[in-house]
Amino acid sequence: MGLFSKDIKTMDDLFIHQLQDIYYAEKTIYKSLPKMIAKATDPALKLGLETHRRETEGHIARLEQVFKQHGAEAKAINCPAIDGIIEEADELTGDVENGPVLDAAIIAAAQAVEHYEITRYGTLTAWAKQLGRQDCAALLQQNLDEEFAADGKLSMLAEGGVNRRAAA
């Protein structure tokens, strides 16, 4: 089903489509995080990525709850955007041998993922409210808040020393 597919006729259809998109994205991110964790050399970065992987489990569980509350099947649809972001992250970090430079690349890649999630959760939260689904909006807002927090932590790590060490 494409974004302008004939299958999307109502705002509710669009809402479900985007839920399926972010559900796929979260599951894909969850599977890809161990690779980033293994590559990270900065202990704080490694710990932050491990923490975010556990948070991602919660994001997936909340999405499943949103599907249930909305009366829809929890299913994922292919999300080429997140596939591309993760592919780019793999390429960016693939050949870097310098630990601090690798950590800076991992942070950049992780923030690209976070920014994608922030856009999706922001939109979904607004749509849930518009559809009169405050219950769903509250769950989506929790995920959005955690994504903003994760992005902020990544910025603090980068600005707090990782970027400086990479530039040395």
Protein backbone atom coordinates (compact mmCIF):
# COMPACT_ATOMS: atom_id res chain seq x y z
CA MET A 1 0.00 0.00 0.00
CA GLY A 2 1.58 3.27 -1.09
CA LEU A 3 1.02 6.56 0.66
CA PHE A 4 -1.46 7.65 -2.01
CA SER A 5 -2.94 4.19 -2.42
CA LYS A 6 -6.61 3.72 -3.09
CA ASP A 7 -6.63 1.72 0.17
CA ILE A 8 -6.21 4.96 2.14
CA LYS A 9 -9.56 6.69 2.03
CA THR A 10 -9.95 8.18 5.49
CA MET A 11 -7.82 9.78 8.17
CA ASP A 12 -8.30 6.58 10.14
CA ASP A 13 -6.83 4.56 7.25
CA LEU A 14 -3.89 6.96 7.11
CA PHE A 15 -3.40 6.67 10.88
CA ILE A 16 -3.30 2.87 10.73
CA HIS A 17 -0.92 2.97 7.75
CA GLN A 18 1.52 5.18 9.65
CA LEU A 19 1.19 3.00 12.76
CA GLN A 20 2.17 0.00 10.65
CA ASP A 21 5.12 1.97 9.26
CA ILE A 22 6.52 2.97 12.67
CA TYR A 23 5.85 -0.53 14.01
CA TYR A 24 8.09 -1.93 11.27
CA ALA A 25 10.64 0.80 11.97
CA GLU A 26 10.78 0.08 15.71
CA LYS A 27 11.17 -3.67 15.15
CA THR A 28 13.92 -3.03 12.59
CA ILE A 29 15.70 -0.60 14.91
CA TYR A 30 15.49 -3.11 17.76
CA LYS A 31 17.19 -5.73 15.58
CA SER A 32 19.89 -3.34 14.36
CA LEU A 33 20.93 -1.85 17.72
CA PRO A 34 23.14 -4.77 18.84
CA LYS A 35 25.40 -4.14 15.84
CA MET A 36 25.82 -0.48 16.82
CA ILE A 37 26.36 -1.42 20.47
CA ALA A 38 29.09 -3.88 19.48
CA LYS A 39 30.88 -1.25 17.37
CA ALA A 40 30.73 1.57 19.93
CA THR A 41 33.98 2.18 21.82
CA ASP A 42 32.83 4.94 24.18
CA PRO A 43 31.42 3.29 27.35
CA ALA A 44 28.74 5.96 27.82
CA LEU A 45 27.63 5.62 24.21
CA LYS A 46 27.51 1.83 24.52
CA LEU A 47 25.41 2.13 27.71
CA GLY A 48 23.11 4.69 26.11
CA LEU A 49 22.48 2.45 23.11
CA GLU A 50 21.80 -0.53 25.39
CA THR A 51 19.33 1.56 27.39
CA HIS A 52 17.61 2.73 24.23
CA ARG A 53 17.28 -0.84 23.01
CA ARG A 54 15.33 -1.65 26.18
CA GLU A 55 13.22 1.48 25.62
CA THR A 56 12.56 0.31 22.07
CA GLU A 57 10.98 -2.85 23.50
CA GLY A 58 8.61 -0.55 25.37
CA HIS A 59 7.90 1.43 22.20
CA ILE A 60 6.93 -1.77 20.41
CA ALA A 61 4.69 -2.83 23.31
CA ARG A 62 2.98 0.59 23.37
CA LEU A 63 2.40 0.45 19.62
CA GLU A 64 0.80 -2.97 20.03
CA GLN A 65 -1.44 -1.46 22.70
CA VAL A 66 -2.39 1.41 20.36
CA PHE A 67 -3.31 -1.08 17.63
CA LYS A 68 -5.44 -3.01 20.14
CA GLN A 69 -7.16 0.09 21.53
CA HIS A 70 -7.87 1.28 18.01
CA GLY A 71 -9.30 -2.10 17.02
CA ALA A 72 -6.65 -2.82 14.40
CA GLU A 73 -4.31 -5.74 13.87
CA ALA A 74 -0.73 -5.08 14.98
CA LYS A 75 1.13 -5.61 11.76
CA ALA A 76 4.14 -4.03 10.17
CA ILE A 77 4.43 -2.74 6.63
CA ASN A 78 7.73 -2.22 4.90
CA CYS A 79 9.28 1.15 5.69
CA PRO A 80 11.83 2.05 3.01
CA ALA A 81 12.80 5.20 4.91
CA ILE A 82 14.09 3.37 8.00
CA ASP A 83 15.68 0.69 5.82
CA GLY A 84 17.58 3.44 4.01
CA ILE A 85 18.63 5.20 7.22
CA ILE A 86 19.94 1.94 8.69
CA GLU A 87 21.68 0.99 5.43
CA GLU A 88 23.36 4.39 5.40
CA ALA A 89 24.40 3.91 9.03
CA ASP A 90 25.99 0.56 8.17
CA GLU A 91 27.88 2.16 5.28
CA LEU A 92 28.96 5.14 7.37
CA THR A 93 30.30 3.05 10.23
CA GLY A 94 31.49 0.07 8.19
CA ASP A 95 35.04 1.13 7.38
CA VAL A 96 35.90 3.42 10.30
CA GLU A 97 38.72 2.02 12.40
CA ASN A 98 39.45 5.07 14.58
CA GLY A 99 37.37 4.51 17.77
CA PRO A 100 36.42 8.13 18.50
CA VAL A 101 35.59 8.79 14.82
CA LEU A 102 33.51 5.60 14.78
CA ASP A 103 31.65 6.76 17.91
CA ALA A 104 30.92 10.14 16.26
CA ALA A 105 29.60 8.29 13.19
CA ILE A 106 27.42 6.03 15.36
CA ILE A 107 25.95 9.06 17.12
CA ALA A 108 25.21 10.73 13.78
CA ALA A 109 23.53 7.57 12.49
CA ALA A 110 21.56 7.07 15.71
CA GLN A 111 20.34 10.66 15.59
CA ALA A 112 19.12 10.19 12.03
CA VAL A 113 17.04 7.27 13.33
CA GLU A 114 15.77 9.31 16.28
CA HIS A 115 14.76 12.21 14.05
CA TYR A 116 12.77 9.88 11.81
CA GLU A 117 10.98 8.44 14.83
CA ILE A 118 10.30 11.91 16.22
CA THR A 119 8.58 12.96 12.98
CA ARG A 120 6.44 9.83 12.90
CA TYR A 121 5.42 9.95 16.56
CA GLY A 122 4.69 13.68 16.41
CA THR A 123 2.38 13.18 13.45
CA LEU A 124 0.71 10.09 14.91
CA THR A 125 0.09 11.83 18.24
CA ALA A 126 -1.55 14.78 16.47
CA TRP A 127 -3.65 12.47 14.31
CA ALA A 128 -4.77 10.37 17.28
CA LYS A 129 -5.97 13.54 19.00
CA GLN A 130 -7.77 14.65 15.84
CA LEU A 131 -9.48 11.26 15.65
CA GLY A 132 -10.64 11.67 19.26
CA ARG A 133 -8.31 8.93 20.50
CA GLN A 134 -6.73 10.52 23.56
CA ASP A 135 -5.94 7.03 24.87
CA CYS A 136 -3.82 6.29 21.79
CA ALA A 137 -2.34 9.80 21.78
CA ALA A 138 -1.11 9.37 25.36
CA LEU A 139 0.77 6.17 24.48
CA LEU A 140 2.25 7.68 21.33
CA GLN A 141 3.29 10.78 23.29
CA GLN A 142 5.23 8.56 25.72
CA ASN A 143 7.18 7.12 22.79
CA LEU A 144 7.72 10.62 21.38
CA ASP A 145 9.02 11.89 24.71
CA GLU A 146 11.48 9.01 24.95
CA GLU A 147 12.71 9.61 21.39
CA PHE A 148 13.31 13.30 22.17
CA ALA A 149 15.18 12.28 25.33
CA ALA A 150 17.32 9.76 23.45
CA ASP A 151 18.20 12.42 20.85
CA GLY A 152 19.15 14.82 23.63
CA LYS A 153 21.38 12.24 25.29
CA LEU A 154 23.12 11.56 21.99
CA SER A 155 23.74 15.29 21.53
CA MET A 156 25.18 15.53 25.04
CA LEU A 157 27.53 12.62 24.35
CA ALA A 158 28.67 14.16 21.07
CA GLU A 159 29.13 17.65 22.45
CA GLY A 160 30.46 16.38 25.78
CA GLY A 161 33.57 14.82 24.32
CA VAL A 162 33.00 12.32 21.54
CA ASN A 163 33.23 14.91 18.77
CA ARG A 164 36.26 16.56 20.37
CA ARG A 165 38.08 13.22 20.64
CA ALA A 166 37.14 12.40 17.03
CA ALA A 167 38.55 15.71 15.80
CA ALA A 168 41.84 15.32 17.70
